[in-house]
N, C-alpha and C. Protein backbone atom coordinates (compact mmCIF):
# COMPACT_ATOMS: atom_id res chain seq x y z
N MET A 1 71.40 -5.11 114.37
CA MET A 1 72.75 -5.21 113.85
C MET A 1 72.88 -6.37 112.88
N ILE A 2 72.21 -7.42 113.18
CA ILE A 2 72.29 -8.57 112.30
C ILE A 2 71.73 -8.23 110.94
N LYS A 3 70.68 -7.43 110.91
CA LYS A 3 70.09 -7.03 109.65
C LYS A 3 71.11 -6.22 108.84
N LEU A 4 71.83 -5.33 109.48
CA LEU A 4 72.86 -4.56 108.80
C LEU A 4 73.95 -5.47 108.26
N GLU A 5 74.32 -6.46 109.05
CA GLU A 5 75.34 -7.39 108.59
C GLU A 5 74.88 -8.14 107.35
N GLU A 6 73.62 -8.46 107.31
CA GLU A 6 73.10 -9.16 106.14
C GLU A 6 73.07 -8.25 104.93
N ILE A 7 72.70 -7.00 105.12
CA ILE A 7 72.61 -6.07 104.00
C ILE A 7 74.00 -5.77 103.44
N TYR A 8 74.95 -5.46 104.32
CA TYR A 8 76.28 -5.04 103.86
C TYR A 8 77.25 -6.21 103.72
N LYS A 9 76.85 -7.36 104.10
CA LYS A 9 77.68 -8.57 104.03
C LYS A 9 79.00 -8.38 104.76
N LYS A 10 78.94 -7.67 105.85
CA LYS A 10 80.12 -7.46 106.68
C LYS A 10 79.72 -7.68 108.12
N THR A 11 80.70 -8.11 108.85
CA THR A 11 80.45 -8.33 110.26
C THR A 11 80.71 -7.03 111.00
N ILE A 12 79.78 -6.66 111.82
CA ILE A 12 79.90 -5.42 112.58
C ILE A 12 80.26 -5.81 114.00
N PHE A 13 81.34 -5.20 114.46
CA PHE A 13 81.78 -5.48 115.83
C PHE A 13 81.40 -4.30 116.70
N GLU A 14 81.02 -4.62 117.89
CA GLU A 14 80.73 -3.55 118.82
C GLU A 14 82.06 -3.00 119.32
N ASP A 15 82.06 -1.71 119.59
CA ASP A 15 83.28 -1.10 120.11
C ASP A 15 83.62 -1.72 121.45
N GLU A 16 84.90 -2.04 121.53
CA GLU A 16 85.36 -2.57 122.81
C GLU A 16 85.51 -1.41 123.77
N PRO A 17 85.31 -1.66 125.01
CA PRO A 17 85.53 -0.59 125.97
C PRO A 17 87.01 -0.16 125.94
N VAL A 18 87.22 1.13 125.93
CA VAL A 18 88.57 1.67 125.83
C VAL A 18 89.02 2.08 127.22
N SER A 19 90.22 1.69 127.55
CA SER A 19 90.74 2.00 128.88
C SER A 19 91.13 3.48 128.94
N ASP A 20 91.27 3.97 130.15
CA ASP A 20 91.66 5.37 130.35
C ASP A 20 93.06 5.63 129.80
N ASP A 21 93.94 4.66 129.93
CA ASP A 21 95.31 4.83 129.41
C ASP A 21 95.29 5.02 127.90
N VAL A 22 94.49 4.24 127.23
CA VAL A 22 94.39 4.35 125.77
C VAL A 22 93.80 5.70 125.40
N LYS A 23 92.77 6.12 126.12
CA LYS A 23 92.16 7.42 125.85
C LYS A 23 93.18 8.54 126.04
N GLN A 24 93.94 8.45 127.12
CA GLN A 24 94.95 9.48 127.38
C GLN A 24 96.03 9.47 126.31
N ARG A 25 96.46 8.27 125.90
CA ARG A 25 97.48 8.16 124.87
C ARG A 25 96.98 8.76 123.55
N GLU A 26 95.74 8.45 123.18
CA GLU A 26 95.18 9.01 121.95
C GLU A 26 95.06 10.53 122.05
N LEU A 27 94.64 11.02 123.21
CA LEU A 27 94.54 12.46 123.42
C LEU A 27 95.92 13.11 123.32
N MET A 28 96.92 12.46 123.91
CA MET A 28 98.29 12.99 123.84
C MET A 28 98.78 13.00 122.39
N GLU A 29 98.47 11.95 121.64
CA GLU A 29 98.87 11.91 120.23
C GLU A 29 98.23 13.05 119.44
N ILE A 30 96.96 13.30 119.72
CA ILE A 30 96.27 14.40 119.05
C ILE A 30 96.93 15.73 119.41
N LEU A 31 97.21 15.91 120.71
CA LEU A 31 97.85 17.16 121.15
C LEU A 31 99.25 17.31 120.54
N VAL A 32 100.00 16.21 120.50
CA VAL A 32 101.34 16.26 119.92
C VAL A 32 101.26 16.60 118.44
N ASP A 33 100.30 16.00 117.74
CA ASP A 33 100.12 16.31 116.32
C ASP A 33 99.78 17.78 116.12
N GLU A 34 98.90 18.31 116.95
CA GLU A 34 98.54 19.73 116.86
C GLU A 34 99.76 20.61 117.13
N LYS A 35 100.52 20.24 118.14
CA LYS A 35 101.72 21.03 118.47
C LYS A 35 102.75 20.94 117.33
N ASN A 36 102.91 19.75 116.77
CA ASN A 36 103.83 19.60 115.64
C ASN A 36 103.39 20.45 114.45
N THR A 37 102.10 20.49 114.20
CA THR A 37 101.57 21.32 113.13
C THR A 37 101.86 22.80 113.42
N GLU A 38 101.68 23.20 114.67
CA GLU A 38 101.96 24.58 115.07
C GLU A 38 103.45 24.88 114.92
N ILE A 39 104.30 23.94 115.32
CA ILE A 39 105.75 24.12 115.19
C ILE A 39 106.13 24.28 113.72
N ILE A 40 105.55 23.46 112.87
CA ILE A 40 105.85 23.55 111.43
C ILE A 40 105.41 24.90 110.89
N ARG A 41 104.23 25.36 111.30
CA ARG A 41 103.73 26.66 110.85
C ARG A 41 104.67 27.78 111.30
N LEU A 42 105.07 27.73 112.56
CA LEU A 42 105.98 28.75 113.08
C LEU A 42 107.34 28.69 112.40
N TYR A 43 107.80 27.49 112.12
CA TYR A 43 109.08 27.33 111.42
C TYR A 43 109.01 27.95 110.02
N GLU A 44 107.90 27.73 109.34
CA GLU A 44 107.72 28.32 108.00
C GLU A 44 107.70 29.85 108.10
N GLN A 45 107.07 30.37 109.14
CA GLN A 45 107.07 31.82 109.35
C GLN A 45 108.49 32.34 109.57
N LEU A 46 109.26 31.60 110.37
CA LEU A 46 110.65 31.99 110.62
C LEU A 46 111.46 31.98 109.33
N LYS A 47 111.25 30.97 108.50
CA LYS A 47 111.96 30.91 107.23
C LYS A 47 111.60 32.11 106.36
N ALA A 48 110.31 32.46 106.34
CA ALA A 48 109.88 33.62 105.55
C ALA A 48 110.51 34.90 106.10
N LYS A 49 110.56 35.04 107.41
CA LYS A 49 111.17 36.23 108.02
C LYS A 49 112.67 36.26 107.71
N ASP A 50 113.32 35.10 107.76
CA ASP A 50 114.75 35.04 107.41
C ASP A 50 114.98 35.50 105.98
N GLU A 51 114.11 35.07 105.08
CA GLU A 51 114.23 35.49 103.68
C GLU A 51 114.04 37.01 103.56
N GLN A 52 113.06 37.54 104.29
CA GLN A 52 112.84 38.99 104.27
C GLN A 52 114.06 39.73 104.79
N LEU A 53 114.63 39.22 105.88
CA LEU A 53 115.83 39.86 106.44
C LEU A 53 117.00 39.79 105.47
N ALA A 54 117.13 38.66 104.78
CA ALA A 54 118.22 38.53 103.80
C ALA A 54 118.03 39.55 102.68
N LYS A 55 116.79 39.74 102.23
CA LYS A 55 116.52 40.73 101.19
C LYS A 55 116.84 42.14 101.69
N LYS A 56 116.45 42.43 102.92
CA LYS A 56 116.73 43.75 103.50
C LYS A 56 118.24 43.95 103.63
N ASP A 57 118.96 42.90 104.06
CA ASP A 57 120.41 43.01 104.16
C ASP A 57 121.02 43.32 102.80
N GLU A 58 120.54 42.66 101.77
CA GLU A 58 121.05 42.90 100.42
C GLU A 58 120.75 44.34 99.99
N GLN A 59 119.54 44.81 100.30
CA GLN A 59 119.20 46.20 99.97
C GLN A 59 120.12 47.18 100.71
N LEU A 60 120.42 46.87 101.97
CA LEU A 60 121.32 47.74 102.73
C LEU A 60 122.73 47.72 102.14
N ARG A 61 123.18 46.53 101.69
CA ARG A 61 124.50 46.46 101.07
C ARG A 61 124.54 47.33 99.81
N VAL A 62 123.48 47.24 99.02
CA VAL A 62 123.42 48.06 97.79
C VAL A 62 123.43 49.54 98.16
N LYS A 63 122.65 49.91 99.16
CA LYS A 63 122.62 51.31 99.60
C LYS A 63 123.99 51.76 100.10
N ASP A 64 124.67 50.88 100.85
CA ASP A 64 126.01 51.22 101.34
C ASP A 64 126.97 51.48 100.19
N VAL A 65 126.88 50.64 99.15
CA VAL A 65 127.74 50.83 97.98
C VAL A 65 127.40 52.16 97.30
N GLN A 66 126.11 52.45 97.18
CA GLN A 66 125.70 53.71 96.55
C GLN A 66 126.18 54.91 97.37
N ILE A 67 126.07 54.82 98.68
CA ILE A 67 126.53 55.91 99.54
C ILE A 67 128.03 56.09 99.41
N ALA A 68 128.77 54.97 99.39
CA ALA A 68 130.22 55.06 99.24
C ALA A 68 130.58 55.71 97.91
N GLU A 69 129.85 55.36 96.86
CA GLU A 69 130.11 55.95 95.54
C GLU A 69 129.81 57.45 95.56
N LYS A 70 128.70 57.83 96.19
CA LYS A 70 128.36 59.26 96.30
C LYS A 70 129.42 60.01 97.10
N ASP A 71 129.88 59.40 98.20
CA ASP A 71 130.94 60.04 99.00
C ASP A 71 132.20 60.23 98.17
N LYS A 72 132.53 59.22 97.38
CA LYS A 72 133.72 59.31 96.52
C LYS A 72 133.55 60.44 95.50
N GLN A 73 132.37 60.51 94.89
CA GLN A 73 132.12 61.56 93.91
C GLN A 73 132.16 62.94 94.56
N LEU A 74 131.60 63.04 95.75
CA LEU A 74 131.60 64.32 96.47
C LEU A 74 133.04 64.73 96.81
N ASP A 75 133.84 63.77 97.24
CA ASP A 75 135.24 64.06 97.55
C ASP A 75 135.99 64.53 96.30
N GLN A 76 135.74 63.84 95.19
CA GLN A 76 136.38 64.24 93.93
C GLN A 76 135.95 65.65 93.53
N GLN A 77 134.66 65.94 93.69
CA GLN A 77 134.16 67.27 93.35
C GLN A 77 134.82 68.33 94.22
N GLN A 78 134.96 68.04 95.51
CA GLN A 78 135.59 69.00 96.41
C GLN A 78 137.05 69.21 96.03
N GLN A 79 137.74 68.12 95.66
CA GLN A 79 139.14 68.24 95.25
C GLN A 79 139.26 69.06 93.97
N LEU A 80 138.36 68.80 93.02
CA LEU A 80 138.39 69.56 91.77
C LEU A 80 138.09 71.05 92.02
N THR A 81 137.15 71.32 92.90
CA THR A 81 136.82 72.70 93.23
C THR A 81 138.02 73.40 93.87
N LEU A 82 138.68 72.70 94.79
CA LEU A 82 139.86 73.27 95.44
C LEU A 82 140.97 73.53 94.41
N GLN A 83 141.17 72.56 93.51
CA GLN A 83 142.20 72.73 92.47
C GLN A 83 141.85 73.90 91.56
N ALA A 84 140.58 74.03 91.21
CA ALA A 84 140.16 75.15 90.36
C ALA A 84 140.38 76.48 91.06
N MET A 85 140.11 76.54 92.35
CA MET A 85 140.32 77.78 93.10
C MET A 85 141.82 78.11 93.16
N ASN A 86 142.64 77.09 93.37
CA ASN A 86 144.10 77.31 93.40
C ASN A 86 144.60 77.78 92.04
N ASP A 87 144.09 77.14 90.98
CA ASP A 87 144.48 77.56 89.62
C ASP A 87 144.05 79.01 89.36
N ARG A 88 142.86 79.35 89.81
CA ARG A 88 142.37 80.72 89.63
C ARG A 88 143.27 81.72 90.35
N ASP A 89 143.64 81.37 91.60
CA ASP A 89 144.52 82.26 92.36
C ASP A 89 145.88 82.41 91.68
N THR A 90 146.40 81.29 91.17
CA THR A 90 147.69 81.34 90.47
C THR A 90 147.60 82.21 89.22
N LEU A 91 146.54 82.01 88.45
CA LEU A 91 146.36 82.82 87.25
C LEU A 91 146.17 84.30 87.59
N LYS A 92 145.46 84.55 88.67
CA LYS A 92 145.25 85.94 89.09
C LYS A 92 146.59 86.59 89.45
N LEU A 93 147.44 85.84 90.16
CA LEU A 93 148.76 86.34 90.53
C LEU A 93 149.61 86.60 89.29
N GLU A 94 149.58 85.63 88.35
CA GLU A 94 150.34 85.81 87.11
C GLU A 94 149.84 87.02 86.32
N LEU A 95 148.53 87.21 86.29
CA LEU A 95 147.96 88.36 85.59
C LEU A 95 148.41 89.67 86.23
N GLU A 96 148.42 89.69 87.55
CA GLU A 96 148.88 90.90 88.25
C GLU A 96 150.34 91.19 87.92
N GLN A 97 151.16 90.12 87.88
CA GLN A 97 152.58 90.32 87.54
C GLN A 97 152.74 90.85 86.12
N VAL A 98 151.98 90.30 85.20
CA VAL A 98 152.04 90.76 83.81
C VAL A 98 151.57 92.21 83.73
N ASN A 99 150.50 92.54 84.44
CA ASN A 99 150.00 93.93 84.45
C ASN A 99 151.05 94.88 85.01
N GLU A 100 151.77 94.45 86.05
CA GLU A 100 152.83 95.30 86.61
C GLU A 100 153.93 95.55 85.59
N LYS A 101 154.32 94.49 84.86
CA LYS A 101 155.35 94.64 83.83
C LYS A 101 154.87 95.59 82.73
N VAL A 102 153.62 95.45 82.35
CA VAL A 102 153.07 96.33 81.32
C VAL A 102 153.08 97.77 81.83
N GLN A 103 152.68 97.96 83.08
CA GLN A 103 152.70 99.30 83.66
C GLN A 103 154.12 99.87 83.68
N GLU A 104 155.09 99.01 84.02
CA GLU A 104 156.49 99.45 84.03
C GLU A 104 156.92 99.89 82.64
N GLN A 105 156.57 99.06 81.66
CA GLN A 105 156.97 99.36 80.29
C GLN A 105 156.31 100.65 79.80
N GLU A 106 155.06 100.83 80.16
CA GLU A 106 154.36 102.04 79.72
C GLU A 106 154.90 103.28 80.42
N SER A 107 155.38 103.11 81.65
CA SER A 107 155.89 104.27 82.37
C SER A 107 157.29 104.69 81.88
N LYS A 108 158.01 103.80 81.24
CA LYS A 108 159.33 104.15 80.69
C LYS A 108 159.13 104.98 79.44
N GLY A 109 160.10 105.74 79.16
CA GLY A 109 160.06 106.57 77.96
C GLY A 109 160.28 105.73 76.70
N PHE A 110 160.12 106.42 75.56
CA PHE A 110 160.26 105.74 74.27
C PHE A 110 161.65 105.15 74.10
N TRP A 111 162.70 105.98 74.36
CA TRP A 111 164.08 105.53 74.15
C TRP A 111 164.45 104.43 75.14
N ALA A 112 163.92 104.46 76.34
CA ALA A 112 164.22 103.41 77.33
C ALA A 112 163.64 102.08 76.87
N ARG A 113 162.49 102.17 76.24
CA ARG A 113 161.88 100.93 75.74
C ARG A 113 162.66 100.39 74.56
N VAL A 114 163.11 101.26 73.72
CA VAL A 114 163.86 100.84 72.54
C VAL A 114 165.16 100.17 72.96
N PHE A 115 165.85 100.76 73.92
CA PHE A 115 167.14 100.21 74.35
C PHE A 115 167.00 99.27 75.56
N ARG A 116 165.81 98.98 75.95
CA ARG A 116 165.47 98.06 77.05
C ARG A 116 166.19 98.41 78.35
N ARG A 117 166.01 99.55 78.78
CA ARG A 117 166.60 99.96 80.05
C ARG A 117 165.54 100.19 81.06
């Protein structure tokens, strides 16, 4: 050892005997550090999962808006279809009435049509 001290120009101390308490404390510190590292890793995973959930929630909100818009369009289409069917029925009724009047007019004689009787 003295030769090493001369070469490196430093004093080399022999390790002091370490008590069991110190060994246990150092071991506990190592374990606590490992657990803290694990906690940090798990926390980062949780943050990543939270971000994924937030993105999924946003996607669901967008889908809900799209579904609501489609429902609105479908309702409008159904209302327009119903209105068109009602209009068709009304026009059909009016056409039948006009046809009846034409039939009446055709069934009257010439002079009745001239004098509107």
